[in-house]
PDB file of N, CA and C in Angstrom:
ATOM      1  N   MET A   1     126.203  55.893 133.417  1.00  0.00           N
ATOM      2  CA  MET A   1     125.273  55.740 132.445  1.00  0.00           C
ATOM      3  C   MET A   1     125.977  55.776 131.104  1.00  0.00           C
ATOM      4  N   ASN A   2     125.692  54.896 130.179  1.00  0.00           N
ATOM      5  CA  ASN A   2     126.306  54.761 128.906  1.00  0.00           C
ATOM      6  C   ASN A   2     125.412  55.232 127.764  1.00  0.00           C
ATOM      7  N   TYR A   3     125.897  56.171 127.016  1.00  0.00           N
ATOM      8  CA  TYR A   3     125.011  56.695 125.951  1.00  0.00           C
ATOM      9  C   TYR A   3     125.724  56.953 124.677  1.00  0.00           C
ATOM     10  N   LYS A   4     125.013  57.222 123.627  1.00  0.00           N
ATOM     11  CA  LYS A   4     125.558  57.569 122.435  1.00  0.00           C
ATOM     12  C   LYS A   4     124.628  58.637 121.655  1.00  0.00           C
ATOM     13  N   VAL A   5     125.157  59.516 120.913  1.00  0.00           N
ATOM     14  CA  VAL A   5     124.432  60.456 120.226  1.00  0.00           C
ATOM     15  C   VAL A   5     124.612  60.327 118.691  1.00  0.00           C
ATOM     16  N   GLY A   6     123.650  60.484 117.887  1.00  0.00           N
ATOM     17  CA  GLY A   6     123.689  60.519 116.504  1.00  0.00           C
ATOM     18  C   GLY A   6     123.063  61.719 116.000  1.00  0.00           C
ATOM     19  N   ILE A   7     123.483  62.288 114.949  1.00  0.00           N
ATOM     20  CA  ILE A   7     122.910  63.537 114.257  1.00  0.00           C
ATOM     21  C   ILE A   7     123.005  63.455 112.843  1.00  0.00           C
ATOM     22  N   ASP A   8     122.002  63.978 112.086  1.00  0.00           N
ATOM     23  CA  ASP A   8     122.086  63.978 110.708  1.00  0.00           C
ATOM     24  C   ASP A   8     121.263  65.133 110.180  1.00  0.00           C
ATOM     25  N   ILE A   9     121.771  65.669 108.982  1.00  0.00           N
ATOM     26  CA  ILE A   9     121.217  66.879 108.377  1.00  0.00           C
ATOM     27  C   ILE A   9     120.782  66.392 106.898  1.00  0.00           C
ATOM     28  N   VAL A  10     119.627  66.783 106.457  1.00  0.00           N
ATOM     29  CA  VAL A  10     119.300  66.504 105.029  1.00  0.00           C
ATOM     30  C   VAL A  10     118.879  67.798 104.221  1.00  0.00           C
ATOM     31  N   ASP A  11     119.496  67.897 103.124  1.00  0.00           N
ATOM     32  CA  ASP A  11     119.319  68.976 102.091  1.00  0.00           C
ATOM     33  C   ASP A  11     117.939  68.611 101.474  1.00  0.00           C
ATOM     34  N   ILE A  12     116.843  69.412 101.736  1.00  0.00           N
ATOM     35  CA  ILE A  12     115.511  69.190 101.225  1.00  0.00           C
ATOM     36  C   ILE A  12     115.392  68.931  99.574  1.00  0.00           C
ATOM     37  N   LYS A  13     116.075  69.867  99.056  1.00  0.00           N
ATOM     38  CA  LYS A  13     116.083  69.939  97.496  1.00  0.00           C
ATOM     39  C   LYS A  13     116.795  68.642  96.993  1.00  0.00           C
ATOM     40  N   ARG A  14     117.907  68.253  97.677  1.00  0.00           N
ATOM     41  CA  ARG A  14     118.456  66.967  97.178  1.00  0.00           C
ATOM     42  C   ARG A  14     117.587  65.744  97.474  1.00  0.00           C
ATOM     43  N   LEU A  15     116.846  65.736  98.595  1.00  0.00           N
ATOM     44  CA  LEU A  15     116.015  64.718  98.934  1.00  0.00           C
ATOM     45  C   LEU A  15     114.810  64.581  97.872  1.00  0.00           C
ATOM     46  N   ALA A  16     114.351  65.721  97.484  1.00  0.00           N
ATOM     47  CA  ALA A  16     113.265  65.849  96.430  1.00  0.00           C
ATOM     48  C   ALA A  16     113.731  65.287  95.118  1.00  0.00           C
ATOM     49  N   ARG A  17     115.009  65.635  94.765  1.00  0.00           N
ATOM     50  CA  ARG A  17     115.515  64.985  93.470  1.00  0.00           C
ATOM     51  C   ARG A  17     115.668  63.415  93.651  1.00  0.00           C
ATOM     52  N   ILE A  18     115.992  63.002  94.861  1.00  0.00           N
ATOM     53  CA  ILE A  18     116.366  61.460  94.924  1.00  0.00           C
ATOM     54  C   ILE A  18     114.857  60.858  94.902  1.00  0.00           C
ATOM     55  N   ILE A  19     113.923  61.360  95.488  1.00  0.00           N
ATOM     56  CA  ILE A  19     112.562  60.945  95.445  1.00  0.00           C
ATOM     57  C   ILE A  19     111.900  60.876  94.091  1.00  0.00           C
ATOM     58  N   GLY A  20     112.159  61.999  93.394  1.00  0.00           N
ATOM     59  CA  GLY A  20     111.792  62.180  91.921  1.00  0.00           C
ATOM     60  C   GLY A  20     112.458  61.062  91.133  1.00  0.00           C
ATOM     61  N   GLU A  21     113.603  60.637  91.318  1.00  0.00           N
ATOM     62  CA  GLU A  21     114.484  59.608  90.635  1.00  0.00           C
ATOM     63  C   GLU A  21     113.943  58.294  90.895  1.00  0.00           C
ATOM     64  N   ASP A  22     113.597  58.010  92.122  1.00  0.00           N
ATOM     65  CA  ASP A  22     113.223  56.723  92.667  1.00  0.00           C
ATOM     66  C   ASP A  22     111.995  56.845  93.648  1.00  0.00           C
ATOM     67  N   GLU A  23     110.777  56.730  93.127  1.00  0.00           N
ATOM     68  CA  GLU A  23     109.633  56.906  93.950  1.00  0.00           C
ATOM     69  C   GLU A  23     109.497  55.928  95.004  1.00  0.00           C
ATOM     70  N   ARG A  24     110.182  54.780  95.089  1.00  0.00           N
ATOM     71  CA  ARG A  24     110.052  53.844  96.098  1.00  0.00           C
ATOM     72  C   ARG A  24     111.158  54.079  97.209  1.00  0.00           C
ATOM     73  N   TYR A  25     112.009  55.176  96.995  1.00  0.00           N
ATOM     74  CA  TYR A  25     113.072  55.483  97.972  1.00  0.00           C
ATOM     75  C   TYR A  25     112.683  55.313  99.422  1.00  0.00           C
ATOM     76  N   LEU A  26     111.493  56.026  99.756  1.00  0.00           N
ATOM     77  CA  LEU A  26     111.041  56.131 101.124  1.00  0.00           C
ATOM     78  C   LEU A  26     110.749  54.761 101.652  1.00  0.00           C
ATOM     79  N   ILE A  27     109.950  53.941 100.731  1.00  0.00           N
ATOM     80  CA  ILE A  27     109.630  52.492 101.221  1.00  0.00           C
ATOM     81  C   ILE A  27     110.838  51.767 101.407  1.00  0.00           C
ATOM     82  N   LYS A  28     111.658  51.821 100.602  1.00  0.00           N
ATOM     83  CA  LYS A  28     112.991  51.115 100.827  1.00  0.00           C
ATOM     84  C   LYS A  28     113.878  51.516 102.038  1.00  0.00           C
ATOM     85  N   PHE A  29     113.882  52.754 102.300  1.00  0.00           N
ATOM     86  CA  PHE A  29     114.742  53.400 103.236  1.00  0.00           C
ATOM     87  C   PHE A  29     114.182  53.311 104.770  1.00  0.00           C
ATOM     88  N   LEU A  30     112.966  53.865 104.829  1.00  0.00           N
ATOM     89  CA  LEU A  30     112.352  54.190 106.130  1.00  0.00           C
ATOM     90  C   LEU A  30     111.601  52.919 106.624  1.00  0.00           C
ATOM     91  N   PRO A  31     111.597  52.654 107.947  1.00  0.00           N
ATOM     92  CA  PRO A  31     110.679  51.512 108.379  1.00  0.00           C
ATOM     93  C   PRO A  31     109.215  51.825 108.132  1.00  0.00           C
ATOM     94  N   ILE A  32     108.613  50.927 107.978  1.00  0.00           N
ATOM     95  CA  ILE A  32     107.046  50.991 107.633  1.00  0.00           C
ATOM     96  C   ILE A  32     106.298  51.823 108.693  1.00  0.00           C
ATOM     97  N   GLY A  33     106.768  51.663 109.782  1.00  0.00           N
ATOM     98  CA  GLY A  33     106.274  52.374 111.102  1.00  0.00           C
ATOM     99  C   GLY A  33     106.587  53.911 111.021  1.00  0.00           C
ATOM    100  N   TRP A  34     107.253  54.423 110.031  1.00  0.00           N
ATOM    101  CA  TRP A  34     107.598  55.775 110.032  1.00  0.00           C
ATOM    102  C   TRP A  34     107.037  56.412 108.775  1.00  0.00           C
ATOM    103  N   LEU A  35     106.152  55.835 107.996  1.00  0.00           N
ATOM    104  CA  LEU A  35     105.672  56.351 106.719  1.00  0.00           C
ATOM    105  C   LEU A  35     104.274  57.025 106.890  1.00  0.00           C
ATOM    106  N   SER A  36     103.691  56.978 107.992  1.00  0.00           N
ATOM    107  CA  SER A  36     102.342  57.617 108.121  1.00  0.00           C
ATOM    108  C   SER A  36     102.448  59.127 108.253  1.00  0.00           C
ATOM    109  N   ASP A  37     101.455  59.899 107.810  1.00  0.00           N
ATOM    110  CA  ASP A  37     101.280  61.250 108.145  1.00  0.00           C
ATOM    111  C   ASP A  37     102.517  62.001 107.634  1.00  0.00           C
ATOM    112  N   LEU A  38     102.914  61.735 106.432  1.00  0.00           N
ATOM    113  CA  LEU A  38     104.055  62.548 105.696  1.00  0.00           C
ATOM    114  C   LEU A  38     103.374  63.623 104.991  1.00  0.00           C
ATOM    115  N   LYS A  39     103.387  64.883 105.543  1.00  0.00           N
ATOM    116  CA  LYS A  39     102.558  66.133 104.950  1.00  0.00           C
ATOM    117  C   LYS A  39     103.294  66.764 103.921  1.00  0.00           C
ATOM    118  N   ASN A  40     104.598  66.849 103.887  1.00  0.00           N
ATOM    119  CA  ASN A  40     105.284  67.695 102.987  1.00  0.00           C
ATOM    120  C   ASN A  40     106.850  67.285 102.977  1.00  0.00           C
ATOM    121  N   LEU A  41     107.636  67.988 102.060  1.00  0.00           N
ATOM    122  CA  LEU A  41     109.033  67.396 102.001  1.00  0.00           C
ATOM    123  C   LEU A  41     109.758  67.745 103.281  1.00  0.00           C
ATOM    124  N   GLN A  42     109.488  68.803 103.947  1.00  0.00           N
ATOM    125  CA  GLN A  42     110.226  69.096 105.179  1.00  0.00           C
ATOM    126  C   GLN A  42     109.892  67.995 106.292  1.00  0.00           C
ATOM    127  N   THR A  43     108.733  67.409 106.404  1.00  0.00           N
ATOM    128  CA  THR A  43     108.424  66.302 107.225  1.00  0.00           C
ATOM    129  C   THR A  43     109.181  65.082 106.795  1.00  0.00           C
ATOM    130  N   ILE A  44     109.124  64.864 105.558  1.00  0.00           N
ATOM    131  CA  ILE A  44     109.726  63.597 105.006  1.00  0.00           C
ATOM    132  C   ILE A  44     111.239  63.718 105.303  1.00  0.00           C
ATOM    133  N   ALA A  45     111.924  64.933 105.154  1.00  0.00           N
ATOM    134  CA  ALA A  45     113.295  65.164 105.363  1.00  0.00           C
ATOM    135  C   ALA A  45     113.640  65.093 106.813  1.00  0.00           C
ATOM    136  N   GLY A  46     112.712  65.479 107.770  1.00  0.00           N
ATOM    137  CA  GLY A  46     112.952  65.322 109.112  1.00  0.00           C
ATOM    138  C   GLY A  46     113.051  63.829 109.479  1.00  0.00           C
ATOM    139  N   ARG A  47     112.074  63.012 108.912  1.00  0.00           N
ATOM    140  CA  ARG A  47     112.155  61.588 109.285  1.00  0.00           C
ATOM    141  C   ARG A  47     113.250  60.927 108.832  1.00  0.00           C
ATOM    142  N   VAL A  48     113.744  61.317 107.462  1.00  0.00           N
ATOM    143  CA  VAL A  48     114.999  60.609 106.993  1.00  0.00           C
ATOM    144  C   VAL A  48     116.183  60.964 107.847  1.00  0.00           C
ATOM    145  N   ALA A  49     116.322  62.318 108.205  1.00  0.00           N
ATOM    146  CA  ALA A  49     117.361  62.751 109.086  1.00  0.00           C
ATOM    147  C   ALA A  49     117.321  62.012 110.440  1.00  0.00           C
ATOM    148  N   LEU A  50     116.192  61.878 111.037  1.00  0.00           N
ATOM    149  CA  LEU A  50     116.024  61.225 112.345  1.00  0.00           C
ATOM    150  C   LEU A  50     116.368  59.727 112.184  1.00  0.00           C
ATOM    151  N   PHE A  51     116.020  58.991 111.158  1.00  0.00           N
ATOM    152  CA  PHE A  51     116.381  57.640 110.978  1.00  0.00           C
ATOM    153  C   PHE A  51     117.735  57.338 110.780  1.00  0.00           C
ATOM    154  N   GLU A  52     118.420  58.376 110.071  1.00  0.00           N
ATOM    155  CA  GLU A  52     119.931  58.393 109.948  1.00  0.00           C
ATOM    156  C   GLU A  52     120.592  58.659 111.300  1.00  0.00           C
ATOM    157  N   ALA A  53     120.041  59.596 112.070  1.00  0.00           N
ATOM    158  CA  ALA A  53     120.665  59.759 113.270  1.00  0.00           C
ATOM    159  C   ALA A  53     120.538  58.695 114.264  1.00  0.00           C
ATOM    160  N   THR A  54     119.385  57.978 114.097  1.00  0.00           N
ATOM    161  CA  THR A  54     119.163  56.742 114.958  1.00  0.00           C
ATOM    162  C   THR A  54     120.079  55.656 114.634  1.00  0.00           C
ATOM    163  N   ILE A  55     120.235  55.485 113.371  1.00  0.00           N
ATOM    164  CA  ILE A  55     121.288  54.406 112.968  1.00  0.00           C
ATOM    165  C   ILE A  55     122.687  54.720 113.474  1.00  0.00           C
ATOM    166  N   LYS A  56     122.988  56.030 113.484  1.00  0.00           N
ATOM    167  CA  LYS A  56     124.356  56.439 114.003  1.00  0.00           C
ATOM    168  C   LYS A  56     124.493  56.051 115.583  1.00  0.00           C
ATOM    169  N   ALA A  57     123.369  56.285 116.231  1.00  0.00           N
ATOM    170  CA  ALA A  57     123.409  56.360 117.648  1.00  0.00           C
ATOM    171  C   ALA A  57     123.301  54.835 118.195  1.00  0.00           C
ATOM    172  N   PHE A  58     122.764  53.983 117.500  1.00  0.00           N
ATOM    173  CA  PHE A  58     122.487  52.620 118.015  1.00  0.00           C
ATOM    174  C   PHE A  58     123.630  51.664 117.910  1.00  0.00           C
ATOM    175  N   PRO A  59     123.717  50.821 118.851  1.00  0.00           N
ATOM    176  CA  PRO A  59     124.900  49.765 118.681  1.00  0.00           C
ATOM    177  C   PRO A  59     124.637  48.967 117.439  1.00  0.00           C
ATOM    178  N   LYS A  60     125.723  48.641 116.727  1.00  0.00           N
ATOM    179  CA  LYS A  60     125.696  48.009 115.409  1.00  0.00           C
ATOM    180  C   LYS A  60     125.032  46.691 115.395  1.00  0.00           C
ATOM    181  N   GLU A  61     124.965  45.944 116.431  1.00  0.00           N
ATOM    182  CA  GLU A  61     124.328  44.568 116.516  1.00  0.00           C
ATOM    183  C   GLU A  61     122.743  44.642 116.550  1.00  0.00           C
ATOM    184  N   HIS A  62     122.201  45.984 116.768  1.00  0.00           N
ATOM    185  CA  HIS A  62     120.785  46.117 116.618  1.00  0.00           C
ATOM    186  C   HIS A  62     120.345  46.856 115.318  1.00  0.00           C
ATOM    187  N   MET A  63     121.047  46.960 114.352  1.00  0.00           N
ATOM    188  CA  MET A  63     120.817  47.564 112.981  1.00  0.00           C
ATOM    189  C   MET A  63     119.598  47.052 112.348  1.00  0.00           C
ATOM    190  N   LYS A  64     119.357  45.728 112.372  1.00  0.00           N
ATOM    191  CA  LYS A  64     118.370  45.087 111.642  1.00  0.00           C
ATOM    192  C   LYS A  64     117.001  45.338 112.393  1.00  0.00           C
ATOM    193  N   ILE A  65     117.090  45.431 113.641  1.00  0.00           N
ATOM    194  CA  ILE A  65     115.875  45.491 114.541  1.00  0.00           C
ATOM    195  C   ILE A  65     115.252  47.079 114.395  1.00  0.00           C
ATOM    196  N   LEU A  66     116.095  48.014 113.893  1.00  0.00           N
ATOM    197  CA  LEU A  66     115.621  49.394 113.872  1.00  0.00           C
ATOM    198  C   LEU A  66     114.542  49.476 112.730  1.00  0.00           C
ATOM    199  N   LYS A  67     114.470  48.602 111.807  1.00  0.00           N
ATOM    200  CA  LYS A  67     113.444  48.558 110.897  1.00  0.00           C
ATOM    201  C   LYS A  67     112.062  48.143 111.444  1.00  0.00           C
ATOM    202  N   GLU A  68     112.143  47.752 112.676  1.00  0.00           N
ATOM    203  CA  GLU A  68     110.868  47.409 113.494  1.00  0.00           C
ATOM    204  C   GLU A  68     110.455  48.683 114.415  1.00  0.00           C
ATOM    205  N   THR A  69     111.182  49.887 114.480  1.00  0.00           N
ATOM    206  CA  THR A  69     110.773  50.866 115.184  1.00  0.00           C
ATOM    207  C   THR A  69     109.643  51.583 114.609  1.00  0.00           C
ATOM    208  N   ILE A  70     108.877  52.404 115.407  1.00  0.00           N
ATOM    209  CA  ILE A  70     107.682  53.156 115.082  1.00  0.00           C
ATOM    210  C   ILE A  70     107.942  54.636 115.371  1.00  0.00           C
ATOM    211  N   PHE A  71     107.607  55.536 114.431  1.00  0.00           N
ATOM    212  CA  PHE A  71     107.668  56.928 114.665  1.00  0.00           C
ATOM    213  C   PHE A  71     106.273  57.353 115.164  1.00  0.00           C
ATOM    214  N   ALA A  72     106.315  58.301 116.157  1.00  0.00           N
ATOM    215  CA  ALA A  72     105.066  58.794 116.630  1.00  0.00           C
ATOM    216  C   ALA A  72     105.324  60.200 117.214  1.00  0.00           C
ATOM    217  N   TYR A  73     104.259  60.776 117.702  1.00  0.00           N
ATOM    218  CA  TYR A  73     104.272  62.025 118.431  1.00  0.00           C
ATOM    219  C   TYR A  73     103.880  61.896 119.757  1.00  0.00           C
ATOM    220  N   ASP A  74     104.331  62.476 120.602  1.00  0.00           N
ATOM    221  CA  ASP A  74     103.912  62.515 122.139  1.00  0.00           C
ATOM    222  C   ASP A  74     103.860  63.977 122.519  1.00  0.00           C
ATOM    223  N   GLU A  75     102.587  64.471 122.398  1.00  0.00           N
ATOM    224  CA  GLU A  75     102.292  65.821 122.728  1.00  0.00           C
ATOM    225  C   GLU A  75     103.026  66.907 121.782  1.00  0.00           C
ATOM    226  N   LEU A  76     103.036  66.585 120.524  1.00  0.00           N
ATOM    227  CA  LEU A  76     103.662  67.349 119.438  1.00  0.00           C
ATOM    228  C   LEU A  76     105.147  67.103 119.392  1.00  0.00           C
ATOM    229  N   ALA A  77     105.769  66.396 120.341  1.00  0.00           N
ATOM    230  CA  ALA A  77     107.124  66.117 120.304  1.00  0.00           C
ATOM    231  C   ALA A  77     107.441  64.669 119.470  1.00  0.00           C
ATOM    232  N   PRO A  78     108.378  64.606 118.699  1.00  0.00           N
ATOM    233  CA  PRO A  78     108.570  63.428 118.060  1.00  0.00           C
ATOM    234  C   PRO A  78     109.148  62.307 119.100  1.00  0.00           C
ATOM    235  N   LYS A  79     108.810  61.023 118.655  1.00  0.00           N
ATOM    236  CA  LYS A  79     109.439  60.028 119.511  1.00  0.00           C
ATOM    237  C   LYS A  79     109.539  58.708 118.576  1.00  0.00           C
ATOM    238  N   VAL A  80     110.515  57.911 118.988  1.00  0.00           N
ATOM    239  CA  VAL A  80     110.805  56.576 118.382  1.00  0.00           C
ATOM    240  C   VAL A  80     110.323  55.616 119.364  1.00  0.00           C
ATOM    241  N   ILE A  81     109.403  54.751 118.975  1.00  0.00           N
ATOM    242  CA  ILE A  81     109.033  53.489 119.788  1.00  0.00           C
ATOM    243  C   ILE A  81     109.834  52.349 119.448  1.00  0.00           C
ATOM    244  N   LEU A  82     110.631  51.866 120.391  1.00  0.00           N
ATOM    245  CA  LEU A  82     111.453  50.578 120.158  1.00  0.00           C
ATOM    246  C   LEU A  82     110.787  49.360 120.272  1.00  0.00           C
ATOM    247  N   PRO A  83     111.141  48.334 119.566  1.00  0.00           N
ATOM    248  CA  PRO A  83     110.471  46.980 119.797  1.00  0.00           C
ATOM    249  C   PRO A  83     110.926  46.551 121.281  1.00  0.00           C
ATOM    250  N   PRO A  84     109.947  45.879 121.791  1.00  0.00           N
ATOM    251  CA  PRO A  84     110.084  45.440 123.352  1.00  0.00           C
ATOM    252  C   PRO A  84     111.482  44.784 123.602  1.00  0.00           C
ATOM    253  N   LYS A  85     111.928  43.879 122.585  1.00  0.00           N
ATOM    254  CA  LYS A  85     113.163  43.179 122.853  1.00  0.00           C
ATOM    255  C   LYS A  85     114.450  44.065 122.983  1.00  0.00           C
ATOM    256  N   ILE A  86     114.368  45.323 122.494  1.00  0.00           N
ATOM    257  CA  ILE A  86     115.539  46.205 122.689  1.00  0.00           C
ATOM    258  C   ILE A  86     115.102  47.306 123.653  1.00  0.00           C
ATOM    259  N   ALA A  87     113.901  47.643 123.844  1.00  0.00           N
ATOM    260  CA  ALA A  87     113.447  48.676 124.728  1.00  0.00           C
ATOM    261  C   ALA A  87     113.618  48.242 126.338  1.00  0.00           C
ATOM    262  N   VAL A  88     113.917  46.936 126.593  1.00  0.00           N
ATOM    263  CA  VAL A  88     114.329  46.728 127.870  1.00  0.00           C
ATOM    264  C   VAL A  88     115.709  47.018 128.244  1.00  0.00           C
ATOM    265  N   GLU A  89     116.598  47.112 127.043  1.00  0.00           N
ATOM    266  CA  GLU A  89     118.025  47.555 127.227  1.00  0.00           C
ATOM    267  C   GLU A  89     118.342  49.013 126.958  1.00  0.00           C
ATOM    268  N   TYR A  90     117.467  49.737 126.163  1.00  0.00           N
ATOM    269  CA  TYR A  90     117.753  51.037 125.881  1.00  0.00           C
ATOM    270  C   TYR A  90     116.579  52.018 125.926  1.00  0.00           C
ATOM    271  N   SER A  91     116.859  53.234 126.167  1.00  0.00           N
ATOM    272  CA  SER A  91     115.873  54.262 126.095  1.00  0.00           C
ATOM    273  C   SER A  91     116.406  55.187 125.039  1.00  0.00           C
ATOM    274  N   ILE A  92     115.493  56.069 124.425  1.00  0.00           N
ATOM    275  CA  ILE A  92     115.766  56.863 123.258  1.00  0.00           C
ATOM    276  C   ILE A  92     115.083  58.245 123.414  1.00  0.00           C
ATOM    277  N   GLU A  93     115.828  59.239 123.147  1.00  0.00           N
ATOM    278  CA  GLU A  93     115.321  60.548 123.154  1.00  0.00           C
ATOM    279  C   GLU A  93     115.611  61.067 121.699  1.00  0.00           C
ATOM    280  N   VAL A  94     114.666  61.906 121.120  1.00  0.00           N
ATOM    281  CA  VAL A  94     114.903  62.364 119.689  1.00  0.00           C
ATOM    282  C   VAL A  94     114.414  63.876 119.548  1.00  0.00           C
ATOM    283  N   SER A  95     114.938  64.505 118.553  1.00  0.00           N
ATOM    284  CA  SER A  95     114.506  65.847 118.068  1.00  0.00           C
ATOM    285  C   SER A  95     114.769  66.080 116.742  1.00  0.00           C
ATOM    286  N   ILE A  96     113.716  66.803 116.132  1.00  0.00           N
ATOM    287  CA  ILE A  96     113.817  67.063 114.692  1.00  0.00           C
ATOM    288  C   ILE A  96     113.454  68.638 114.641  1.00  0.00           C
ATOM    289  N   SER A  97     114.236  69.249 113.601  1.00  0.00           N
ATOM    290  CA  SER A  97     113.883  70.533 113.230  1.00  0.00           C
ATOM    291  C   SER A  97     114.165  70.798 111.764  1.00  0.00           C
ATOM    292  N   HIS A  98     113.545  71.770 111.206  1.00  0.00           N
ATOM    293  CA  HIS A  98     113.705  72.004 109.767  1.00  0.00           C
ATOM    294  C   HIS A  98     113.553  73.481 109.414  1.00  0.00           C
ATOM    295  N   SER A  99     113.996  73.871 108.271  1.00  0.00           N
ATOM    296  CA  SER A  99     113.766  75.097 107.692  1.00  0.00           C
ATOM    297  C   SER A  99     113.223  74.883 106.228  1.00  0.00           C
ATOM    298  N   ALA A 100     113.145  75.747 105.475  1.00  0.00           N
ATOM    299  CA  ALA A 100     112.635  75.455 104.059  1.00  0.00           C
ATOM    300  C   ALA A 100     113.502  74.541 103.270  1.00  0.00           C
ATOM    301  N   ASN A 101     114.866  74.751 103.745  1.00  0.00           N
ATOM    302  CA  ASN A 101     115.904  73.999 102.881  1.00  0.00           C
ATOM    303  C   ASN A 101     116.620  72.809 103.590  1.00  0.00           C
ATOM    304  N   LEU A 102     116.573  72.775 104.862  1.00  0.00           N
ATOM    305  CA  LEU A 102     117.336  71.763 105.533  1.00  0.00           C
ATOM    306  C   LEU A 102     116.566  71.177 106.668  1.00  0.00           C
ATOM    307  N   ALA A 103     116.749  69.919 106.939  1.00  0.00           N
ATOM    308  CA  ALA A 103     116.116  69.245 108.170  1.00  0.00           C
ATOM    309  C   ALA A 103     117.282  68.680 108.926  1.00  0.00           C
ATOM    310  N   ILE A 104     117.222  68.731 110.237  1.00  0.00           N
ATOM    311  CA  ILE A 104     118.184  68.248 111.144  1.00  0.00           C
ATOM    312  C   ILE A 104     117.550  67.395 112.252  1.00  0.00           C
ATOM    313  N   ALA A 105     118.165  66.357 112.640  1.00  0.00           N
ATOM    314  CA  ALA A 105     117.668  65.436 113.638  1.00  0.00           C
ATOM    315  C   ALA A 105     118.790  65.075 114.618  1.00  0.00           C
ATOM    316  N   THR A 106     118.445  64.752 115.963  1.00  0.00           N
ATOM    317  CA  THR A 106     119.467  64.217 116.756  1.00  0.00           C
ATOM    318  C   THR A 106     118.628  63.006 117.372  1.00  0.00           C
ATOM    319  N   CYS A 107     119.518  62.044 117.944  1.00  0.00           N
ATOM    320  CA  CYS A 107     119.051  60.920 118.592  1.00  0.00           C
ATOM    321  C   CYS A 107     120.004  60.623 119.760  1.00  0.00           C
ATOM    322  N   LEU A 108     119.500  60.476 121.042  1.00  0.00           N
ATOM    323  CA  LEU A 108     120.245  60.067 122.045  1.00  0.00           C
ATOM    324  C   LEU A 108     119.850  58.711 122.570  1.00  0.00           C
ATOM    325  N   VAL A 109     120.747  57.741 122.547  1.00  0.00           N
ATOM    326  CA  VAL A 109     120.420  56.370 122.941  1.00  0.00           C
ATOM    327  C   VAL A 109     121.125  56.094 124.290  1.00  0.00           C
ATOM    328  N   ILE A 110     120.251  55.656 125.329  1.00  0.00           N
ATOM    329  CA  ILE A 110     120.849  55.559 126.616  1.00  0.00           C
ATOM    330  C   ILE A 110     120.813  54.064 126.990  1.00  0.00           C
ATOM    331  N   ALA A 111     121.917  53.304 127.388  1.00  0.00           N
ATOM    332  CA  ALA A 111     121.858  52.036 127.748  1.00  0.00           C
ATOM    333  C   ALA A 111     121.342  52.010 129.000  1.00  0.00           C
ATOM    334  N   LYS A 112     120.297  51.120 129.335  1.00  0.00           N
ATOM    335  CA  LYS A 112     119.854  51.035 130.774  1.00  0.00           C
ATOM    336  C   LYS A 112     120.746  50.273 131.725  1.00  0.00           C
ATOM    337  N   LYS A 113     121.452  49.561 131.304  1.00  0.00           N
ATOM    338  CA  LYS A 113     122.472  48.820 132.018  1.00  0.00           C
ATOM    339  C   LYS A 113     123.949  49.247 131.541  1.00  0.00           C
ATOM    340  N   ILE A 114     124.878  49.481 132.480  1.00  0.00           N
ATOM    341  CA  ILE A 114     126.167  49.725 131.920  1.00  0.00           C
ATOM    342  C   ILE A 114     126.782  48.363 131.406  1.00  0.00           C
ATOM    343  N   GLN A 115     127.330  48.548 130.084  1.00  0.00           N
ATOM    344  CA  GLN A 115     127.701  47.432 129.492  1.00  0.00           C
ATOM    345  C   GLN A 115     129.416  47.379 129.426  1.00  0.00           C
TER     346      GLN A 115
END
């Protein structure tokens, strides 16, 4: 089995400063399917960290298609829904955690066929 792991950590105070300087930051950075149900800065930081981790874990030839992914919850666990054209090639497992000051996320991308 062929796999790759991505991990990212976000300083929540730094993210708040960035959002304060550019209110369109999230719209520019995160896929549209990730922008719903953003309750607080910790939630936002977790999504930013997860998207960065996902970028790090995915093969470079699929970078543009990551903007078509959707963020959701499956029984309170986060998940990333892949577009059908790459879901046939890869499966994905994700995790997010945060404290008052930091958010961290991991992404495991598994190729369904050995390449």
